[in-house]
Amino acid sequence: MQTNVWIPISNISDAEKIWSGTRIRLFNVGLNVTNKENDYYDYLVSYIYDNDDLLQLTNLSQGKAGNILCVIPKDKPNHYSMGKSLKEMVGLENTYVCFE
């Protein structure tokens, strides 16, 4: 099985299960204007302590690590969110998902 495969968010289904541990990559963030290949931030979908209703997207990139991009609602009573919720919060343009 190949890991580290980045899929455009527009290619995932609205019914796709988004679990904690899923990685999100946002390109064209203005971080590196000379090399667009390195112009991105990475985020991790993770649980929020003492909150059973939401998941959060936490920045993993150097200099911004720990910053929260947004929260997405869980598909209650399950412990995952849906692709539709993720798409609504982060947008479709320049956004990629990596399921590991």
C-alpha atoms as a PDB file:
ATOM      1  CA  MET A   1       0.000   0.000   0.000  1.00  0.00           C
ATOM      2  CA  GLN A   2       1.365   3.390  -0.992  1.00  0.00           C
ATOM      3  CA  THR A   3       1.375   6.043   1.724  1.00  0.00           C
ATOM      4  CA  ASN A   4       1.727   9.800   1.475  1.00  0.00           C
ATOM      5  CA  VAL A   5      -0.656  10.080  -1.482  1.00  0.00           C
ATOM      6  CA  TRP A   6      -2.168  13.557  -1.745  1.00  0.00           C
ATOM      7  CA  ILE A   7      -5.675  13.617  -3.246  1.00  0.00           C
ATOM      8  CA  PRO A   8      -7.368  16.866  -4.343  1.00  0.00           C
ATOM      9  CA  ILE A   9     -10.176  17.514  -1.888  1.00  0.00           C
ATOM     10  CA  SER A  10     -12.572  17.993  -4.789  1.00  0.00           C
ATOM     11  CA  ASN A  11     -12.005  14.300  -5.685  1.00  0.00           C
ATOM     12  CA  ILE A  12     -13.221  12.929  -2.361  1.00  0.00           C
ATOM     13  CA  SER A  13     -16.860  12.058  -1.819  1.00  0.00           C
ATOM     14  CA  ASP A  14     -19.132  14.152   0.396  1.00  0.00           C
ATOM     15  CA  ALA A  15     -19.825  10.903   2.257  1.00  0.00           C
ATOM     16  CA  GLU A  16     -16.089  10.145   2.815  1.00  0.00           C
ATOM     17  CA  LYS A  17     -15.311   9.508   6.478  1.00  0.00           C
ATOM     18  CA  ILE A  18     -12.753  11.993   7.813  1.00  0.00           C
ATOM     19  CA  TRP A  19     -11.060  10.430  10.829  1.00  0.00           C
ATOM     20  CA  SER A  20      -8.640  11.902  13.323  1.00  0.00           C
ATOM     21  CA  GLY A  21      -5.150  11.526  11.863  1.00  0.00           C
ATOM     22  CA  THR A  22      -6.121  12.612   8.340  1.00  0.00           C
ATOM     23  CA  ARG A  23      -3.692  15.198   6.952  1.00  0.00           C
ATOM     24  CA  ILE A  24      -4.701  18.259   4.939  1.00  0.00           C
ATOM     25  CA  ARG A  25      -2.341  20.331   2.786  1.00  0.00           C
ATOM     26  CA  LEU A  26      -3.178  23.894   1.695  1.00  0.00           C
ATOM     27  CA  PHE A  27      -1.083  25.234  -1.193  1.00  0.00           C
ATOM     28  CA  ASN A  28      -0.446  28.870  -2.241  1.00  0.00           C
ATOM     29  CA  VAL A  29      -0.440  30.258   1.286  1.00  0.00           C
ATOM     30  CA  GLY A  30       2.251  32.864   0.568  1.00  0.00           C
ATOM     31  CA  LEU A  31       4.904  31.083   2.588  1.00  0.00           C
ATOM     32  CA  ASN A  32       7.383  30.570  -0.245  1.00  0.00           C
ATOM     33  CA  VAL A  33       6.770  32.846  -3.223  1.00  0.00           C
ATOM     34  CA  THR A  34       9.826  31.770  -5.236  1.00  0.00           C
ATOM     35  CA  ASN A  35       9.165  28.021  -5.143  1.00  0.00           C
ATOM     36  CA  LYS A  36       5.424  27.263  -5.345  1.00  0.00           C
ATOM     37  CA  GLU A  37       6.123  23.556  -4.797  1.00  0.00           C
ATOM     38  CA  ASN A  38       7.097  24.374  -1.189  1.00  0.00           C
ATOM     39  CA  ASP A  39       4.357  26.974  -0.638  1.00  0.00           C
ATOM     40  CA  TYR A  40       1.998  25.039   1.654  1.00  0.00           C
ATOM     41  CA  TYR A  41       0.883  24.401   5.215  1.00  0.00           C
ATOM     42  CA  ASP A  42       0.116  20.946   6.577  1.00  0.00           C
ATOM     43  CA  TYR A  43      -2.747  20.343   9.007  1.00  0.00           C
ATOM     44  CA  LEU A  44      -3.788  17.340  11.072  1.00  0.00           C
ATOM     45  CA  VAL A  45      -7.394  16.454  11.855  1.00  0.00           C
ATOM     46  CA  SER A  46      -7.486  15.766  15.586  1.00  0.00           C
ATOM     47  CA  TYR A  47      -9.803  15.437  18.555  1.00  0.00           C
ATOM     48  CA  ILE A  48     -10.531  18.356  20.847  1.00  0.00           C
ATOM     49  CA  TYR A  49     -10.081  17.619  24.538  1.00  0.00           C
ATOM     50  CA  ASP A  50     -13.449  17.409  26.331  1.00  0.00           C
ATOM     51  CA  ASN A  51     -15.470  18.131  23.155  1.00  0.00           C
ATOM     52  CA  ASP A  52     -17.364  15.246  21.590  1.00  0.00           C
ATOM     53  CA  ASP A  53     -19.055  17.337  18.890  1.00  0.00           C
ATOM     54  CA  LEU A  54     -16.120  18.660  16.835  1.00  0.00           C
ATOM     55  CA  LEU A  55     -12.757  17.794  15.283  1.00  0.00           C
ATOM     56  CA  GLN A  56     -10.069  20.430  14.701  1.00  0.00           C
ATOM     57  CA  LEU A  57      -7.477  21.078  11.988  1.00  0.00           C
ATOM     58  CA  THR A  58      -4.164  21.813  13.690  1.00  0.00           C
ATOM     59  CA  ASN A  59      -1.211  23.286  11.789  1.00  0.00           C
ATOM     60  CA  LEU A  60       1.909  21.096  11.692  1.00  0.00           C
ATOM     61  CA  SER A  61       4.173  23.455   9.704  1.00  0.00           C
ATOM     62  CA  GLN A  62       7.279  25.043  11.190  1.00  0.00           C
ATOM     63  CA  GLY A  63       6.585  28.471  12.629  1.00  0.00           C
ATOM     64  CA  LYS A  64       2.809  27.938  12.683  1.00  0.00           C
ATOM     65  CA  ALA A  65       2.593  24.588  14.498  1.00  0.00           C
ATOM     66  CA  GLY A  66      -0.300  24.382  16.913  1.00  0.00           C
ATOM     67  CA  ASN A  67      -2.443  27.044  15.261  1.00  0.00           C
ATOM     68  CA  ILE A  68      -6.007  25.920  14.582  1.00  0.00           C
ATOM     69  CA  LEU A  69      -7.369  26.480  11.061  1.00  0.00           C
ATOM     70  CA  CYS A  70     -10.973  25.493  11.803  1.00  0.00           C
ATOM     71  CA  VAL A  71     -13.228  22.961  13.470  1.00  0.00           C
ATOM     72  CA  ILE A  72     -15.529  20.526  11.699  1.00  0.00           C
ATOM     73  CA  PRO A  73     -18.601  18.833  13.179  1.00  0.00           C
ATOM     74  CA  LYS A  74     -18.532  15.112  13.868  1.00  0.00           C
ATOM     75  CA  ASP A  75     -21.163  12.888  12.311  1.00  0.00           C
ATOM     76  CA  LYS A  76     -22.752  12.056  15.660  1.00  0.00           C
ATOM     77  CA  PRO A  77     -22.852   9.522  17.234  1.00  0.00           C
ATOM     78  CA  ASN A  78     -19.755   8.500  15.236  1.00  0.00           C
ATOM     79  CA  HIS A  79     -16.222   9.715  15.928  1.00  0.00           C
ATOM     80  CA  TYR A  80     -15.544  10.969  12.415  1.00  0.00           C
ATOM     81  CA  SER A  81     -16.616  13.882  10.244  1.00  0.00           C
ATOM     82  CA  MET A  82     -17.862  13.794   6.666  1.00  0.00           C
ATOM     83  CA  GLY A  83     -16.090  14.934   3.503  1.00  0.00           C
ATOM     84  CA  LYS A  84     -18.839  17.491   2.898  1.00  0.00           C
ATOM     85  CA  SER A  85     -18.111  19.249   6.221  1.00  0.00           C
ATOM     86  CA  LEU A  86     -14.384  19.357   5.511  1.00  0.00           C
ATOM     87  CA  LYS A  87     -14.930  20.785   2.024  1.00  0.00           C
ATOM     88  CA  GLU A  88     -17.228  23.502   3.385  1.00  0.00           C
ATOM     89  CA  MET A  89     -14.673  24.612   5.972  1.00  0.00           C
ATOM     90  CA  VAL A  90     -11.416  24.560   3.987  1.00  0.00           C
ATOM     91  CA  GLY A  91     -12.644  25.102   0.424  1.00  0.00           C
ATOM     92  CA  LEU A  92     -11.893  23.161  -2.741  1.00  0.00           C
ATOM     93  CA  GLU A  93      -9.143  25.244  -4.294  1.00  0.00           C
ATOM     94  CA  ASN A  94      -5.485  24.327  -3.607  1.00  0.00           C
ATOM     95  CA  THR A  95      -6.472  21.803  -0.928  1.00  0.00           C
ATOM     96  CA  TYR A  96      -5.324  18.176  -0.753  1.00  0.00           C
ATOM     97  CA  VAL A  97      -6.041  15.276   1.611  1.00  0.00           C
ATOM     98  CA  CYS A  98      -3.815  12.393   2.698  1.00  0.00           C
ATOM     99  CA  PHE A  99      -5.470   9.377   4.326  1.00  0.00           C
ATOM    100  CA  GLU A 100      -2.964   7.278   6.268  1.00  0.00           C
END
